Amino acid sequence: IEPRVVVDERLDRHAARVGETLLGELQRLRKFACVGEVRGQGLLCAIDLVDPKTRAPLAKPACHALFKLCLERGLLTMAYSPRVRINPPLVVSEAEAKEGVDILEEALAALPA
């Protein structure tokens, strides 16, 4: 994106608004025992995946399984490690952000215990 486009189209404000929605949607994933901290600023968000019993970082095989479950559903994630980074493009819509969280929620629900 050209620097002028960011200013002219007020993508900073857009990112703040959509990021607030995204973070709110991500908070609902805390219902899963393997989801630890959920945090974010603007469109840069993160989820810590943890072992439900020990609260230690989730093992790599489980992270890889989540990555594959997301990919099978059409969501490319950075869920291959216990610290999942979520940083969509500045032009992502609120609907697209919500759809991504919905897919992540489905994948977490399908993750073997």
PDB file of N, CA and C in Angstrom:
ATOM      1  N   ILE A   1       0.848  -1.170   0.000  1.00  0.00           N
ATOM      2  CA  ILE A   1       0.000   0.000   0.000  1.00  0.00           C
ATOM      3  C   ILE A   1       0.894   1.234   0.000  1.00  0.00           C
ATOM      4  N   GLU A   2       0.549   2.172  -0.824  1.00  0.00           N
ATOM      5  CA  GLU A   2       1.270   3.439  -0.868  1.00  0.00           C
ATOM      6  C   GLU A   2       1.041   4.187   0.449  1.00  0.00           C
ATOM      7  N   PRO A   3       2.074   4.833   0.983  1.00  0.00           N
ATOM      8  CA  PRO A   3       1.904   5.552   2.254  1.00  0.00           C
ATOM      9  C   PRO A   3       0.753   6.559   2.215  1.00  0.00           C
ATOM     10  N   ARG A   4       0.543   7.194   1.099  1.00  0.00           N
ATOM     11  CA  ARG A   4      -0.512   8.210   0.983  1.00  0.00           C
ATOM     12  C   ARG A   4      -1.891   7.560   1.117  1.00  0.00           C
ATOM     13  N   VAL A   5      -2.035   6.331   0.640  1.00  0.00           N
ATOM     14  CA  VAL A   5      -3.312   5.619   0.735  1.00  0.00           C
ATOM     15  C   VAL A   5      -3.677   5.393   2.193  1.00  0.00           C
ATOM     16  N   VAL A   6      -2.708   5.064   3.011  1.00  0.00           N
ATOM     17  CA  VAL A   6      -2.957   4.843   4.436  1.00  0.00           C
ATOM     18  C   VAL A   6      -3.548   6.102   5.061  1.00  0.00           C
ATOM     19  N   VAL A   7      -3.020   7.256   4.700  1.00  0.00           N
ATOM     20  CA  VAL A   7      -3.501   8.527   5.232  1.00  0.00           C
ATOM     21  C   VAL A   7      -4.837   8.903   4.605  1.00  0.00           C
ATOM     22  N   ASP A   8      -4.899   8.885   3.269  1.00  0.00           N
ATOM     23  CA  ASP A   8      -6.112   9.316   2.564  1.00  0.00           C
ATOM     24  C   ASP A   8      -7.325   8.462   2.910  1.00  0.00           C
ATOM     25  N   GLU A   9      -7.137   7.178   3.058  1.00  0.00           N
ATOM     26  CA  GLU A   9      -8.257   6.283   3.341  1.00  0.00           C
ATOM     27  C   GLU A   9      -8.432   6.026   4.848  1.00  0.00           C
ATOM     28  N   ARG A  10      -7.632   6.734   5.648  1.00  0.00           N
ATOM     29  CA  ARG A  10      -7.726   6.645   7.115  1.00  0.00           C
ATOM     30  C   ARG A  10      -7.670   5.193   7.601  1.00  0.00           C
ATOM     31  N   LEU A  11      -6.729   4.459   7.052  1.00  0.00           N
ATOM     32  CA  LEU A  11      -6.598   3.046   7.422  1.00  0.00           C
ATOM     33  C   LEU A  11      -6.181   2.870   8.875  1.00  0.00           C
ATOM     34  N   ASP A  12      -5.571   3.869   9.471  1.00  0.00           N
ATOM     35  CA  ASP A  12      -5.246   3.781  10.893  1.00  0.00           C
ATOM     36  C   ASP A  12      -6.522   3.714  11.725  1.00  0.00           C
ATOM     37  N   ARG A  13      -7.500   4.525  11.389  1.00  0.00           N
ATOM     38  CA  ARG A  13      -8.783   4.503  12.113  1.00  0.00           C
ATOM     39  C   ARG A  13      -9.532   3.204  11.836  1.00  0.00           C
ATOM     40  N   HIS A  14      -9.480   2.784  10.584  1.00  0.00           N
ATOM     41  CA  HIS A  14     -10.126   1.520  10.204  1.00  0.00           C
ATOM     42  C   HIS A  14      -9.513   0.360  10.989  1.00  0.00           C
ATOM     43  N   ALA A  15      -8.187   0.337  11.064  1.00  0.00           N
ATOM     44  CA  ALA A  15      -7.500  -0.738  11.787  1.00  0.00           C
ATOM     45  C   ALA A  15      -7.861  -0.711  13.272  1.00  0.00           C
ATOM     46  N   ALA A  16      -7.967   0.463  13.850  1.00  0.00           N
ATOM     47  CA  ALA A  16      -8.331   0.561  15.266  1.00  0.00           C
ATOM     48  C   ALA A  16      -9.754   0.044  15.487  1.00  0.00           C
ATOM     49  N   ARG A  17     -10.690   0.420  14.612  1.00  0.00           N
ATOM     50  CA  ARG A  17     -12.093   0.009  14.754  1.00  0.00           C
ATOM     51  C   ARG A  17     -12.245  -1.500  14.550  1.00  0.00           C
ATOM     52  N   VAL A  18     -11.681  -2.013  13.462  1.00  0.00           N
ATOM     53  CA  VAL A  18     -11.788  -3.445  13.182  1.00  0.00           C
ATOM     54  C   VAL A  18     -10.996  -4.243  14.211  1.00  0.00           C
ATOM     55  N   GLY A  19      -9.869  -3.715  14.648  1.00  0.00           N
ATOM     56  CA  GLY A  19      -9.071  -4.393  15.669  1.00  0.00           C
ATOM     57  C   GLY A  19      -9.818  -4.534  16.982  1.00  0.00           C
ATOM     58  N   GLU A  20     -10.594  -3.536  17.340  1.00  0.00           N
ATOM     59  CA  GLU A  20     -11.394  -3.618  18.563  1.00  0.00           C
ATOM     60  C   GLU A  20     -12.444  -4.727  18.434  1.00  0.00           C
ATOM     61  N   THR A  21     -13.067  -4.797  17.275  1.00  0.00           N
ATOM     62  CA  THR A  21     -14.039  -5.867  17.012  1.00  0.00           C
ATOM     63  C   THR A  21     -13.357  -7.225  17.045  1.00  0.00           C
ATOM     64  N   LEU A  22     -12.210  -7.314  16.382  1.00  0.00           N
ATOM     65  CA  LEU A  22     -11.465  -8.573  16.323  1.00  0.00           C
ATOM     66  C   LEU A  22     -11.089  -9.046  17.719  1.00  0.00           C
ATOM     67  N   LEU A  23     -10.557  -8.158  18.537  1.00  0.00           N
ATOM     68  CA  LEU A  23     -10.164  -8.536  19.888  1.00  0.00           C
ATOM     69  C   LEU A  23     -11.381  -8.993  20.705  1.00  0.00           C
ATOM     70  N   GLY A  24     -12.480  -8.304  20.545  1.00  0.00           N
ATOM     71  CA  GLY A  24     -13.703  -8.717  21.229  1.00  0.00           C
ATOM     72  C   GLY A  24     -14.157 -10.099  20.816  1.00  0.00           C
ATOM     73  N   GLU A  25     -14.080 -10.385  19.532  1.00  0.00           N
ATOM     74  CA  GLU A  25     -14.455 -11.705  19.025  1.00  0.00           C
ATOM     75  C   GLU A  25     -13.488 -12.779  19.530  1.00  0.00           C
ATOM     76  N   LEU A  26     -12.207 -12.453  19.566  1.00  0.00           N
ATOM     77  CA  LEU A  26     -11.211 -13.415  20.037  1.00  0.00           C
ATOM     78  C   LEU A  26     -11.396 -13.745  21.515  1.00  0.00           C
ATOM     79  N   GLN A  27     -11.890 -12.800  22.288  1.00  0.00           N
ATOM     80  CA  GLN A  27     -12.088 -13.037  23.730  1.00  0.00           C
ATOM     81  C   GLN A  27     -13.027 -14.210  23.977  1.00  0.00           C
ATOM     82  N   ARG A  28     -13.987 -14.424  23.071  1.00  0.00           N
ATOM     83  CA  ARG A  28     -14.927 -15.533  23.286  1.00  0.00           C
ATOM     84  C   ARG A  28     -14.251 -16.906  23.184  1.00  0.00           C
ATOM     85  N   LEU A  29     -13.057 -16.955  22.607  1.00  0.00           N
ATOM     86  CA  LEU A  29     -12.330 -18.223  22.491  1.00  0.00           C
ATOM     87  C   LEU A  29     -11.759 -18.669  23.835  1.00  0.00           C
ATOM     88  N   ARG A  30     -11.828 -17.807  24.836  1.00  0.00           N
ATOM     89  CA  ARG A  30     -11.322 -18.160  26.164  1.00  0.00           C
ATOM     90  C   ARG A  30     -12.148 -19.282  26.798  1.00  0.00           C
ATOM     91  N   LYS A  31     -13.279 -19.616  26.172  1.00  0.00           N
ATOM     92  CA  LYS A  31     -14.097 -20.729  26.676  1.00  0.00           C
ATOM     93  C   LYS A  31     -13.395 -22.068  26.491  1.00  0.00           C
ATOM     94  N   PHE A  32     -12.391 -22.106  25.630  1.00  0.00           N
ATOM     95  CA  PHE A  32     -11.627 -23.332  25.407  1.00  0.00           C
ATOM     96  C   PHE A  32     -10.511 -23.431  26.438  1.00  0.00           C
ATOM     97  N   ALA A  33     -10.377 -24.587  27.043  1.00  0.00           N
ATOM     98  CA  ALA A  33      -9.376 -24.784  28.093  1.00  0.00           C
ATOM     99  C   ALA A  33      -7.948 -24.563  27.592  1.00  0.00           C
ATOM    100  N   CYS A  34      -7.728 -24.735  26.286  1.00  0.00           N
ATOM    101  CA  CYS A  34      -6.375 -24.582  25.744  1.00  0.00           C
ATOM    102  C   CYS A  34      -6.051 -23.135  25.365  1.00  0.00           C
ATOM    103  N   VAL A  35      -6.981 -22.231  25.563  1.00  0.00           N
ATOM    104  CA  VAL A  35      -6.715 -20.825  25.262  1.00  0.00           C
ATOM    105  C   VAL A  35      -6.360 -20.105  26.553  1.00  0.00           C
ATOM    106  N   GLY A  36      -5.153 -19.568  26.573  1.00  0.00           N
ATOM    107  CA  GLY A  36      -4.691 -18.809  27.730  1.00  0.00           C
ATOM    108  C   GLY A  36      -5.010 -17.340  27.526  1.00  0.00           C
ATOM    109  N   GLU A  37      -3.988 -16.527  27.491  1.00  0.00           N
ATOM    110  CA  GLU A  37      -4.165 -15.085  27.336  1.00  0.00           C
ATOM    111  C   GLU A  37      -4.577 -14.727  25.908  1.00  0.00           C
ATOM    112  N   VAL A  38      -5.448 -13.741  25.796  1.00  0.00           N
ATOM    113  CA  VAL A  38      -5.859 -13.156  24.521  1.00  0.00           C
ATOM    114  C   VAL A  38      -5.570 -11.666  24.641  1.00  0.00           C
ATOM    115  N   ARG A  39      -4.811 -11.132  23.693  1.00  0.00           N
ATOM    116  CA  ARG A  39      -4.435  -9.725  23.785  1.00  0.00           C
ATOM    117  C   ARG A  39      -4.324  -9.120  22.392  1.00  0.00           C
ATOM    118  N   GLY A  40      -4.308  -7.800  22.333  1.00  0.00           N
ATOM    119  CA  GLY A  40      -4.156  -7.163  21.041  1.00  0.00           C
ATOM    120  C   GLY A  40      -4.145  -5.655  21.124  1.00  0.00           C
ATOM    121  N   GLN A  41      -3.672  -5.087  20.049  1.00  0.00           N
ATOM    122  CA  GLN A  41      -3.642  -3.643  19.859  1.00  0.00           C
ATOM    123  C   GLN A  41      -3.855  -3.405  18.375  1.00  0.00           C
ATOM    124  N   GLY A  42      -4.921  -2.724  18.019  1.00  0.00           N
ATOM    125  CA  GLY A  42      -5.231  -2.536  16.603  1.00  0.00           C
ATOM    126  C   GLY A  42      -5.456  -3.894  15.958  1.00  0.00           C
ATOM    127  N   LEU A  43      -4.878  -4.093  14.806  1.00  0.00           N
ATOM    128  CA  LEU A  43      -5.041  -5.363  14.100  1.00  0.00           C
ATOM    129  C   LEU A  43      -3.948  -6.376  14.427  1.00  0.00           C
ATOM    130  N   LEU A  44      -3.141  -6.108  15.418  1.00  0.00           N
ATOM    131  CA  LEU A  44      -2.120  -7.066  15.836  1.00  0.00           C
ATOM    132  C   LEU A  44      -2.600  -7.711  17.133  1.00  0.00           C
ATOM    133  N   CYS A  45      -3.015  -8.966  17.027  1.00  0.00           N
ATOM    134  CA  CYS A  45      -3.554  -9.694  18.175  1.00  0.00           C
ATOM    135  C   CYS A  45      -2.777 -10.992  18.370  1.00  0.00           C
ATOM    136  N   ALA A  46      -2.950 -11.582  19.546  1.00  0.00           N
ATOM    137  CA  ALA A  46      -2.280 -12.846  19.847  1.00  0.00           C
ATOM    138  C   ALA A  46      -3.120 -13.653  20.821  1.00  0.00           C
ATOM    139  N   ILE A  47      -2.972 -14.970  20.709  1.00  0.00           N
ATOM    140  CA  ILE A  47      -3.597 -15.912  21.624  1.00  0.00           C
ATOM    141  C   ILE A  47      -2.500 -16.854  22.084  1.00  0.00           C
ATOM    142  N   ASP A  48      -2.425 -17.078  23.374  1.00  0.00           N
ATOM    143  CA  ASP A  48      -1.498 -18.074  23.900  1.00  0.00           C
ATOM    144  C   ASP A  48      -2.248 -19.383  24.057  1.00  0.00           C
ATOM    145  N   LEU A  49      -1.719 -20.442  23.459  1.00  0.00           N
ATOM    146  CA  LEU A  49      -2.294 -21.771  23.594  1.00  0.00           C
ATOM    147  C   LEU A  49      -1.554 -22.494  24.706  1.00  0.00           C
ATOM    148  N   VAL A  50      -2.318 -23.090  25.615  1.00  0.00           N
ATOM    149  CA  VAL A  50      -1.722 -23.722  26.786  1.00  0.00           C
ATOM    150  C   VAL A  50      -2.268 -25.129  26.980  1.00  0.00           C
ATOM    151  N   ASP A  51      -1.479 -25.933  27.668  1.00  0.00           N
ATOM    152  CA  ASP A  51      -1.947 -27.251  28.076  1.00  0.00           C
ATOM    153  C   ASP A  51      -3.029 -27.019  29.133  1.00  0.00           C
ATOM    154  N   PRO A  52      -4.223 -27.582  28.940  1.00  0.00           N
ATOM    155  CA  PRO A  52      -5.311 -27.337  29.881  1.00  0.00           C
ATOM    156  C   PRO A  52      -5.013 -27.744  31.321  1.00  0.00           C
ATOM    157  N   LYS A  53      -4.159 -28.729  31.519  1.00  0.00           N
ATOM    158  CA  LYS A  53      -3.873 -29.211  32.879  1.00  0.00           C
ATOM    159  C   LYS A  53      -2.736 -28.454  33.541  1.00  0.00           C
ATOM    160  N   THR A  54      -1.648 -28.242  32.803  1.00  0.00           N
ATOM    161  CA  THR A  54      -0.462 -27.634  33.410  1.00  0.00           C
ATOM    162  C   THR A  54      -0.349 -26.135  33.153  1.00  0.00           C
ATOM    163  N   ARG A  55      -1.081 -25.622  32.175  1.00  0.00           N
ATOM    164  CA  ARG A  55      -1.035 -24.232  31.727  1.00  0.00           C
ATOM    165  C   ARG A  55       0.316 -23.869  31.097  1.00  0.00           C
ATOM    166  N   ALA A  56       1.140 -24.876  30.828  1.00  0.00           N
ATOM    167  CA  ALA A  56       2.396 -24.679  30.095  1.00  0.00           C
ATOM    168  C   ALA A  56       2.043 -24.472  28.618  1.00  0.00           C
ATOM    169  N   PRO A  57       2.953 -23.915  27.827  1.00  0.00           N
ATOM    170  CA  PRO A  57       2.660 -23.763  26.406  1.00  0.00           C
ATOM    171  C   PRO A  57       2.229 -25.092  25.777  1.00  0.00           C
ATOM    172  N   LEU A  58       1.254 -25.019  24.906  1.00  0.00           N
ATOM    173  CA  LEU A  58       0.718 -26.204  24.248  1.00  0.00           C
ATOM    174  C   LEU A  58       1.808 -26.875  23.411  1.00  0.00           C
ATOM    175  N   ALA A  59       1.827 -28.190  23.418  1.00  0.00           N
ATOM    176  CA  ALA A  59       2.833 -28.962  22.684  1.00  0.00           C
ATOM    177  C   ALA A  59       2.713 -28.718  21.174  1.00  0.00           C
ATOM    178  N   LYS A  60       3.857 -28.772  20.509  1.00  0.00           N
ATOM    179  CA  LYS A  60       3.916 -28.527  19.058  1.00  0.00           C
ATOM    180  C   LYS A  60       2.959 -29.402  18.256  1.00  0.00           C
ATOM    181  N   PRO A  61       2.828 -30.710  18.530  1.00  0.00           N
ATOM    182  CA  PRO A  61       1.902 -31.520  17.728  1.00  0.00           C
ATOM    183  C   PRO A  61       0.460 -31.009  17.779  1.00  0.00           C
ATOM    184  N   ALA A  62       0.029 -30.538  18.926  1.00  0.00           N
ATOM    185  CA  ALA A  62      -1.328 -29.995  19.037  1.00  0.00           C
ATOM    186  C   ALA A  62      -1.441 -28.681  18.259  1.00  0.00           C
ATOM    187  N   CYS A  63      -0.392 -27.875  18.296  1.00  0.00           N
ATOM    188  CA  CYS A  63      -0.384 -26.621  17.533  1.00  0.00           C
ATOM    189  C   CYS A  63      -0.436 -26.908  16.035  1.00  0.00           C
ATOM    190  N   HIS A  64       0.342 -27.880  15.598  1.00  0.00           N
ATOM    191  CA  HIS A  64       0.327 -28.255  14.180  1.00  0.00           C
ATOM    192  C   HIS A  64      -1.040 -28.783  13.771  1.00  0.00           C
ATOM    193  N   ALA A  65      -1.697 -29.529  14.663  1.00  0.00           N
ATOM    194  CA  ALA A  65      -3.046 -30.032  14.373  1.00  0.00           C
ATOM    195  C   ALA A  65      -4.013 -28.860  14.212  1.00  0.00           C
ATOM    196  N   LEU A  66      -3.916 -27.851  15.069  1.00  0.00           N
ATOM    197  CA  LEU A  66      -4.780 -26.677  14.960  1.00  0.00           C
ATOM    198  C   LEU A  66      -4.515 -25.945  13.655  1.00  0.00           C
ATOM    199  N   PHE A  67      -3.254 -25.793  13.303  1.00  0.00           N
ATOM    200  CA  PHE A  67      -2.890 -25.146  12.040  1.00  0.00           C
ATOM    201  C   PHE A  67      -3.568 -25.862  10.869  1.00  0.00           C
ATOM    202  N   LYS A  68      -3.497 -27.184  10.855  1.00  0.00           N
ATOM    203  CA  LYS A  68      -4.095 -27.967   9.765  1.00  0.00           C
ATOM    204  C   LYS A  68      -5.614 -27.860   9.769  1.00  0.00           C
ATOM    205  N   LEU A  69      -6.224 -27.890  10.943  1.00  0.00           N
ATOM    206  CA  LEU A  69      -7.682 -27.761  11.037  1.00  0.00           C
ATOM    207  C   LEU A  69      -8.147 -26.405  10.506  1.00  0.00           C
ATOM    208  N   CYS A  70      -7.402 -25.368  10.799  1.00  0.00           N
ATOM    209  CA  CYS A  70      -7.736 -24.037  10.272  1.00  0.00           C
ATOM    210  C   CYS A  70      -7.575 -24.009   8.748  1.00  0.00           C
ATOM    211  N   LEU A  71      -6.463 -24.542   8.277  1.00  0.00           N
ATOM    212  CA  LEU A  71      -6.184 -24.548   6.846  1.00  0.00           C
ATOM    213  C   LEU A  71      -7.257 -25.312   6.076  1.00  0.00           C
ATOM    214  N   GLU A  72      -7.697 -26.452   6.605  1.00  0.00           N
ATOM    215  CA  GLU A  72      -8.754 -27.237   5.961  1.00  0.00           C
ATOM    216  C   GLU A  72     -10.048 -26.440   5.850  1.00  0.00           C
ATOM    217  N   ARG A  73     -10.250 -25.481   6.727  1.00  0.00           N
ATOM    218  CA  ARG A  73     -11.464 -24.668   6.736  1.00  0.00           C
ATOM    219  C   ARG A  73     -11.280 -23.357   5.973  1.00  0.00           C
ATOM    220  N   GLY A  74     -10.102 -23.158   5.400  1.00  0.00           N
ATOM    221  CA  GLY A  74      -9.862 -21.983   4.583  1.00  0.00           C
ATOM    222  C   GLY A  74      -9.213 -20.808   5.292  1.00  0.00           C
ATOM    223  N   LEU A  75      -8.677 -21.040   6.481  1.00  0.00           N
ATOM    224  CA  LEU A  75      -8.039 -19.965   7.233  1.00  0.00           C
ATOM    225  C   LEU A  75      -6.559 -20.261   7.377  1.00  0.00           C
ATOM    226  N   LEU A  76      -5.743 -19.403   6.818  1.00  0.00           N
ATOM    227  CA  LEU A  76      -4.290 -19.512   6.968  1.00  0.00           C
ATOM    228  C   LEU A  76      -3.914 -18.775   8.245  1.00  0.00           C
ATOM    229  N   THR A  77      -3.354 -19.508   9.207  1.00  0.00           N
ATOM    230  CA  THR A  77      -3.021 -18.925  10.500  1.00  0.00           C
ATOM    231  C   THR A  77      -1.548 -19.096  10.813  1.00  0.00           C
ATOM    232  N   MET A  78      -1.158 -18.461  11.896  1.00  0.00           N
ATOM    233  CA  MET A  78       0.168 -18.673  12.458  1.00  0.00           C
ATOM    234  C   MET A  78      -0.021 -19.474  13.738  1.00  0.00           C
ATOM    235  N   ALA A  79      -0.795 -20.564  13.633  1.00  0.00           N
ATOM    236  CA  ALA A  79      -1.141 -21.387  14.800  1.00  0.00           C
ATOM    237  C   ALA A  79      -0.237 -22.606  14.925  1.00  0.00           C
ATOM    238  N   TYR A  80       0.922 -22.570  14.323  1.00  0.00           N
ATOM    239  CA  TYR A  80       1.839 -23.704  14.379  1.00  0.00           C
ATOM    240  C   TYR A  80       2.742 -23.647  15.606  1.00  0.00           C
ATOM    241  N   SER A  81       2.535 -22.659  16.454  1.00  0.00           N
ATOM    242  CA  SER A  81       3.265 -22.575  17.720  1.00  0.00           C
ATOM    243  C   SER A  81       2.274 -22.142  18.796  1.00  0.00           C
ATOM    244  N   PRO A  82       2.638 -22.264  20.069  1.00  0.00           N
ATOM    245  CA  PRO A  82       1.684 -21.936  21.122  1.00  0.00           C
ATOM    246  C   PRO A  82       1.347 -20.447  21.245  1.00  0.00           C
ATOM    247  N   ARG A  83       2.090 -19.606  20.588  1.00  0.00           N
ATOM    248  CA  ARG A  83       1.770 -18.174  20.573  1.00  0.00           C
ATOM    249  C   ARG A  83       1.254 -17.840  19.177  1.00  0.00           C
ATOM    250  N   VAL A  84      -0.062 -17.779  19.060  1.00  0.00           N
ATOM    251  CA  VAL A  84      -0.704 -17.548  17.763  1.00  0.00           C
ATOM    252  C   VAL A  84      -0.789 -16.050  17.515  1.00  0.00           C
ATOM    253  N   ARG A  85      -0.160 -15.611  16.439  1.00  0.00           N
ATOM    254  CA  ARG A  85      -0.227 -14.200  16.049  1.00  0.00           C
ATOM    255  C   ARG A  85      -1.322 -14.031  15.011  1.00  0.00           C
ATOM    256  N   ILE A  86      -2.085 -12.973  15.176  1.00  0.00           N
ATOM    257  CA  ILE A  86      -3.161 -12.672  14.234  1.00  0.00           C
ATOM    258  C   ILE A  86      -2.926 -11.245  13.774  1.00  0.00           C
ATOM    259  N   ASN A  87      -2.573 -11.097  12.525  1.00  0.00           N
ATOM    260  CA  ASN A  87      -2.325  -9.760  11.995  1.00  0.00           C
ATOM    261  C   ASN A  87      -2.814  -9.684  10.546  1.00  0.00           C
ATOM    262  N   PRO A  88      -4.119  -9.496  10.390  1.00  0.00           N
ATOM    263  CA  PRO A  88      -4.683  -9.391   9.049  1.00  0.00           C
ATOM    264  C   PRO A  88      -4.267  -8.079   8.378  1.00  0.00           C
ATOM    265  N   PRO A  89      -4.492  -7.970   7.079  1.00  0.00           N
ATOM    266  CA  PRO A  89      -4.134  -6.733   6.377  1.00  0.00           C
ATOM    267  C   PRO A  89      -4.961  -5.547   6.872  1.00  0.00           C
ATOM    268  N   LEU A  90      -4.429  -4.351   6.665  1.00  0.00           N
ATOM    269  CA  LEU A  90      -5.110  -3.140   7.119  1.00  0.00           C
ATOM    270  C   LEU A  90      -6.503  -2.963   6.512  1.00  0.00           C
ATOM    271  N   VAL A  91      -6.751  -3.576   5.384  1.00  0.00           N
ATOM    272  CA  VAL A  91      -8.032  -3.384   4.702  1.00  0.00           C
ATOM    273  C   VAL A  91      -9.055  -4.464   5.030  1.00  0.00           C
ATOM    274  N   VAL A  92      -8.778  -5.336   5.995  1.00  0.00           N
ATOM    275  CA  VAL A  92      -9.716  -6.397   6.359  1.00  0.00           C
ATOM    276  C   VAL A  92     -11.012  -5.758   6.858  1.00  0.00           C
ATOM    277  N   SER A  93     -12.135  -6.350   6.477  1.00  0.00           N
ATOM    278  CA  SER A  93     -13.425  -5.841   6.940  1.00  0.00           C
ATOM    279  C   SER A  93     -13.792  -6.477   8.277  1.00  0.00           C
ATOM    280  N   GLU A  94     -14.747  -5.888   8.961  1.00  0.00           N
ATOM    281  CA  GLU A  94     -15.214  -6.467  10.220  1.00  0.00           C
ATOM    282  C   GLU A  94     -15.807  -7.849   9.968  1.00  0.00           C
ATOM    283  N   ALA A  95     -16.533  -7.999   8.867  1.00  0.00           N
ATOM    284  CA  ALA A  95     -17.139  -9.296   8.536  1.00  0.00           C
ATOM    285  C   ALA A  95     -16.069 -10.351   8.310  1.00  0.00           C
ATOM    286  N   GLU A  96     -14.990  -9.990   7.615  1.00  0.00           N
ATOM    287  CA  GLU A  96     -13.899 -10.938   7.372  1.00  0.00           C
ATOM    288  C   GLU A  96     -13.191 -11.303   8.675  1.00  0.00           C
ATOM    289  N   ALA A  97     -13.008 -10.324   9.548  1.00  0.00           N
ATOM    290  CA  ALA A  97     -12.370 -10.593  10.842  1.00  0.00           C
ATOM    291  C   ALA A  97     -13.233 -11.551  11.656  1.00  0.00           C
ATOM    292  N   LYS A  98     -14.536 -11.316  11.683  1.00  0.00           N
ATOM    293  CA  LYS A  98     -15.447 -12.198  12.423  1.00  0.00           C
ATOM    294  C   LYS A  98     -15.456 -13.599  11.820  1.00  0.00           C
ATOM    295  N   GLU A  99     -15.432 -13.679  10.489  1.00  0.00           N
ATOM    296  CA  GLU A  99     -15.407 -14.985   9.822  1.00  0.00           C
ATOM    297  C   GLU A  99     -14.141 -15.761  10.207  1.00  0.00           C
ATOM    298  N   GLY A 100     -13.015 -15.075  10.254  1.00  0.00           N
ATOM    299  CA  GLY A 100     -11.764 -15.723  10.649  1.00  0.00           C
ATOM    300  C   GLY A 100     -11.828 -16.268  12.066  1.00  0.00           C
ATOM    301  N   VAL A 101     -12.416 -15.511  12.975  1.00  0.00           N
ATOM    302  CA  VAL A 101     -12.541 -15.975  14.362  1.00  0.00           C
ATOM    303  C   VAL A 101     -13.506 -17.157  14.428  1.00  0.00           C
ATOM    304  N   ASP A 102     -14.580 -17.108  13.632  1.00  0.00           N
ATOM    305  CA  ASP A 102     -15.520 -18.234  13.590  1.00  0.00           C
ATOM    306  C   ASP A 102     -14.821 -19.516  13.155  1.00  0.00           C
ATOM    307  N   ILE A 103     -13.969 -19.399  12.141  1.00  0.00           N
ATOM    308  CA  ILE A 103     -13.233 -20.570  11.652  1.00  0.00           C
ATOM    309  C   ILE A 103     -12.260 -21.066  12.723  1.00  0.00           C
ATOM    310  N   LEU A 104     -11.565 -20.143  13.365  1.00  0.00           N
ATOM    311  CA  LEU A 104     -10.642 -20.521  14.431  1.00  0.00           C
ATOM    312  C   LEU A 104     -11.396 -21.214  15.568  1.00  0.00           C
ATOM    313  N   GLU A 105     -12.580 -20.741  15.879  1.00  0.00           N
ATOM    314  CA  GLU A 105     -13.400 -21.346  16.916  1.00  0.00           C
ATOM    315  C   GLU A 105     -13.793 -22.783  16.527  1.00  0.00           C
ATOM    316  N   GLU A 106     -14.190 -22.982  15.279  1.00  0.00           N
ATOM    317  CA  GLU A 106     -14.523 -24.333  14.797  1.00  0.00           C
ATOM    318  C   GLU A 106     -13.320 -25.251  14.901  1.00  0.00           C
ATOM    319  N   ALA A 107     -12.149 -24.749  14.531  1.00  0.00           N
ATOM    320  CA  ALA A 107     -10.931 -25.573  14.568  1.00  0.00           C
ATOM    321  C   ALA A 107     -10.561 -25.918  16.014  1.00  0.00           C
ATOM    322  N   LEU A 108     -10.698 -24.972  16.911  1.00  0.00           N
ATOM    323  CA  LEU A 108     -10.407 -25.256  18.324  1.00  0.00           C
ATOM    324  C   LEU A 108     -11.375 -26.296  18.872  1.00  0.00           C
ATOM    325  N   ALA A 109     -12.623 -26.226  18.455  1.00  0.00           N
ATOM    326  CA  ALA A 109     -13.620 -27.197  18.905  1.00  0.00           C
ATOM    327  C   ALA A 109     -13.309 -28.597  18.370  1.00  0.00           C
ATOM    328  N   ALA A 110     -12.692 -28.673  17.206  1.00  0.00           N
ATOM    329  CA  ALA A 110     -12.365 -29.960  16.580  1.00  0.00           C
ATOM    330  C   ALA A 110     -11.017 -30.515  17.038  1.00  0.00           C
ATOM    331  N   LEU A 111     -10.255 -29.716  17.772  1.00  0.00           N
ATOM    332  CA  LEU A 111      -8.937 -30.146  18.233  1.00  0.00           C
ATOM    333  C   LEU A 111      -9.075 -31.292  19.220  1.00  0.00           C
ATOM    334  N   PRO A 112      -8.373 -32.393  18.983  1.00  0.00           N
ATOM    335  CA  PRO A 112      -8.463 -33.519  19.935  1.00  0.00           C
ATOM    336  C   PRO A 112      -8.028 -33.098  21.333  1.00  0.00           C
ATOM    337  N   ALA A 113      -8.708 -33.586  22.319  1.00  0.00           N
ATOM    338  CA  ALA A 113      -8.422 -33.202  23.715  1.00  0.00           C
ATOM    339  C   ALA A 113      -7.130 -33.823  24.202  1.00  0.00           C
TER     340      ALA A 113
END
